[in-house]
Structures are given as C-alpha cells and as structure tokens.
Amino acid sequence: MAKYREIPCRYYIALGQCKKGRTAQHKTYCQHCDKYYPRARVRCINKKKQYNEERRKRDVG
C-alpha cells in the first residue's frame, strides 16, 4: 500500500515551483518524487484508527 505524505517537501515552494527544478504539485508529483525530504519531523496520526477508537468510546459509554 502506498504511503501518503501529508507533510510538504523541504524543496517545495509553491504550485509549480521547486528548488530542485521540477514541476512541483504537492498532491501528485512531490509525494512520489525520489528527492522528497519532509520539512519537519512530525508524527503522522493514523486517522482511521483514531476514528474507530472514537466510535468505540461513543458506543460503549
């Protein structure tokens, strides 16, 4: 399964602008770029797991 990279690349400036000289579009091209390097180390939240846990709490309580 593919990994969805929500954090923009360090080299991504704006739509169509990349410091590496590529056609930057974060939602498609930058996520699959081999030069991708995240701007910050942020722990990504598993949204599906979070949603399921909230539903379990609501159903029990």
N, C-alpha and C. Protein backbone atom coordinates (compact mmCIF):
# COMPACT_ATOMS: atom_id res chain seq x y z
N MET A 1 0.84 -1.17 0.00
CA MET A 1 0.00 0.00 0.00
C MET A 1 0.89 1.24 0.00
N ALA A 2 0.51 2.23 -0.76
CA ALA A 2 1.30 3.45 -0.88
C ALA A 2 1.21 4.29 0.38
N LYS A 3 2.28 5.02 0.66
CA LYS A 3 2.30 5.91 1.81
C LYS A 3 1.94 7.31 1.34
N TYR A 4 0.94 7.89 1.98
CA TYR A 4 0.51 9.24 1.65
C TYR A 4 1.32 10.22 2.48
N ARG A 5 2.07 11.09 1.84
CA ARG A 5 2.92 12.05 2.53
C ARG A 5 2.19 13.37 2.64
N GLU A 6 1.67 13.67 3.84
CA GLU A 6 0.91 14.90 4.04
C GLU A 6 1.81 16.10 4.24
N ILE A 7 3.02 15.88 4.71
CA ILE A 7 3.95 16.97 5.01
C ILE A 7 4.65 17.38 3.72
N PRO A 8 4.62 18.68 3.37
CA PRO A 8 5.27 19.10 2.14
C PRO A 8 6.79 18.89 2.18
N CYS A 9 7.36 18.78 1.02
CA CYS A 9 8.80 18.57 0.88
C CYS A 9 9.56 19.84 1.26
N ARG A 10 10.78 19.66 1.68
CA ARG A 10 11.64 20.79 2.04
C ARG A 10 11.90 21.70 0.84
N TYR A 11 11.92 21.13 -0.34
CA TYR A 11 12.25 21.87 -1.55
C TYR A 11 11.02 22.46 -2.25
N TYR A 12 9.82 22.13 -1.78
CA TYR A 12 8.58 22.64 -2.36
C TYR A 12 8.36 24.09 -1.93
N ILE A 13 8.18 24.99 -2.89
CA ILE A 13 7.96 26.41 -2.59
C ILE A 13 6.48 26.73 -2.75
N ALA A 14 5.97 26.55 -3.95
CA ALA A 14 4.57 26.81 -4.26
C ALA A 14 4.19 25.97 -5.47
N LEU A 15 2.95 26.08 -5.89
CA LEU A 15 2.48 25.31 -7.04
C LEU A 15 3.32 25.64 -8.27
N GLY A 16 3.99 24.65 -8.78
CA GLY A 16 4.83 24.83 -9.96
C GLY A 16 6.25 25.29 -9.67
N GLN A 17 6.60 25.47 -8.39
CA GLN A 17 7.94 25.94 -8.03
C GLN A 17 8.60 24.97 -7.07
N CYS A 18 9.75 24.45 -7.49
CA CYS A 18 10.52 23.52 -6.68
C CYS A 18 11.99 23.93 -6.75
N LYS A 19 12.68 23.88 -5.63
CA LYS A 19 14.10 24.26 -5.61
C LYS A 19 14.95 23.27 -6.40
N LYS A 20 14.45 22.07 -6.63
CA LYS A 20 15.18 21.06 -7.40
C LYS A 20 14.92 21.17 -8.90
N GLY A 21 14.08 22.14 -9.31
CA GLY A 21 13.83 22.37 -10.73
C GLY A 21 12.79 21.45 -11.32
N ARG A 22 11.92 20.91 -10.51
CA ARG A 22 10.87 20.03 -11.01
C ARG A 22 9.53 20.74 -11.03
N THR A 23 8.58 20.19 -11.78
CA THR A 23 7.24 20.77 -11.78
C THR A 23 6.56 20.37 -10.48
N ALA A 24 6.50 21.28 -9.56
CA ALA A 24 6.01 20.98 -8.21
C ALA A 24 4.49 21.07 -8.13
N GLN A 25 3.91 20.00 -7.69
CA GLN A 25 2.49 19.94 -7.37
C GLN A 25 2.39 18.93 -6.25
N HIS A 26 2.28 19.40 -5.01
CA HIS A 26 2.42 18.54 -3.84
C HIS A 26 1.48 17.35 -3.85
N LYS A 27 0.25 17.55 -4.27
CA LYS A 27 -0.73 16.49 -4.17
C LYS A 27 -0.42 15.29 -5.07
N THR A 28 0.34 15.48 -6.12
CA THR A 28 0.63 14.35 -7.01
C THR A 28 2.13 14.10 -7.15
N TYR A 29 2.82 14.99 -7.78
CA TYR A 29 4.21 14.73 -8.16
C TYR A 29 5.16 14.69 -6.98
N CYS A 30 5.06 15.65 -6.08
CA CYS A 30 6.02 15.76 -4.98
C CYS A 30 5.95 14.57 -4.01
N GLN A 31 4.80 13.98 -3.86
CA GLN A 31 4.67 12.85 -2.95
C GLN A 31 5.43 11.63 -3.47
N HIS A 32 5.60 11.52 -4.77
CA HIS A 32 6.25 10.36 -5.36
C HIS A 32 7.67 10.66 -5.83
N CYS A 33 8.14 11.87 -5.57
CA CYS A 33 9.47 12.29 -6.01
C CYS A 33 10.54 11.54 -5.22
N ASP A 34 11.61 11.13 -5.89
CA ASP A 34 12.69 10.43 -5.19
C ASP A 34 13.56 11.37 -4.37
N LYS A 35 13.42 12.67 -4.56
CA LYS A 35 14.17 13.67 -3.80
C LYS A 35 13.35 14.22 -2.62
N TYR A 36 12.22 13.60 -2.33
CA TYR A 36 11.34 14.06 -1.24
C TYR A 36 12.07 14.01 0.10
N TYR A 37 12.02 15.12 0.82
CA TYR A 37 12.57 15.21 2.17
C TYR A 37 11.62 16.09 2.97
N PRO A 38 11.00 15.59 4.03
CA PRO A 38 9.99 16.37 4.75
C PRO A 38 10.57 17.62 5.40
N ARG A 39 9.76 18.66 5.50
CA ARG A 39 10.19 19.92 6.11
C ARG A 39 10.44 19.75 7.60
N ALA A 40 9.59 19.01 8.25
CA ALA A 40 9.72 18.81 9.70
C ALA A 40 9.40 17.36 10.03
N ARG A 41 9.98 16.86 11.09
CA ARG A 41 9.67 15.51 11.54
C ARG A 41 8.44 15.58 12.43
N VAL A 42 7.32 15.24 11.85
CA VAL A 42 6.05 15.27 12.56
C VAL A 42 5.47 13.87 12.54
N ARG A 43 4.97 13.45 13.67
CA ARG A 43 4.36 12.13 13.74
C ARG A 43 2.99 12.19 13.08
N CYS A 44 2.80 11.39 12.06
CA CYS A 44 1.53 11.37 11.34
C CYS A 44 0.52 10.54 12.13
N ILE A 45 -0.67 11.05 12.26
CA ILE A 45 -1.72 10.38 13.01
C ILE A 45 -2.46 9.43 12.09
N ASN A 46 -2.70 8.22 12.57
CA ASN A 46 -3.49 7.26 11.82
C ASN A 46 -4.95 7.65 12.01
N LYS A 47 -5.54 8.33 11.01
CA LYS A 47 -6.88 8.88 11.13
C LYS A 47 -7.95 7.79 11.19
N LYS A 48 -7.72 6.69 10.51
CA LYS A 48 -8.69 5.60 10.53
C LYS A 48 -8.75 4.99 11.93
N LYS A 49 -7.59 4.79 12.53
CA LYS A 49 -7.52 4.23 13.88
C LYS A 49 -8.16 5.18 14.89
N GLN A 50 -7.89 6.47 14.75
CA GLN A 50 -8.45 7.47 15.64
C GLN A 50 -9.99 7.49 15.53
N TYR A 51 -10.50 7.42 14.32
CA TYR A 51 -11.94 7.41 14.07
C TYR A 51 -12.60 6.18 14.72
N ASN A 52 -11.97 5.01 14.53
CA ASN A 52 -12.53 3.79 15.11
C ASN A 52 -12.53 3.82 16.63
N GLU A 53 -11.49 4.36 17.24
CA GLU A 53 -11.42 4.46 18.70
C GLU A 53 -12.49 5.40 19.24
N GLU A 54 -12.75 6.51 18.54
CA GLU A 54 -13.80 7.43 18.96
C GLU A 54 -15.16 6.78 18.88
N ARG A 55 -15.40 5.98 17.85
CA ARG A 55 -16.68 5.29 17.69
C ARG A 55 -16.88 4.25 18.80
N ARG A 56 -15.80 3.52 19.14
CA ARG A 56 -15.90 2.52 20.21
C ARG A 56 -16.23 3.17 21.55
N LYS A 57 -15.59 4.29 21.84
CA LYS A 57 -15.85 5.01 23.09
C LYS A 57 -17.29 5.50 23.15
N ARG A 58 -17.79 5.99 22.03
CA ARG A 58 -19.16 6.52 21.98
C ARG A 58 -20.18 5.39 22.13
N ASP A 59 -19.92 4.23 21.53
CA ASP A 59 -20.86 3.12 21.59
C ASP A 59 -20.91 2.50 22.98
N VAL A 60 -19.77 2.44 23.66
CA VAL A 60 -19.70 1.81 24.99
C VAL A 60 -20.30 2.75 26.05
N GLY A 61 -19.94 4.02 26.00
CA GLY A 61 -20.29 4.96 27.05
C GLY A 61 -21.56 5.65 26.87
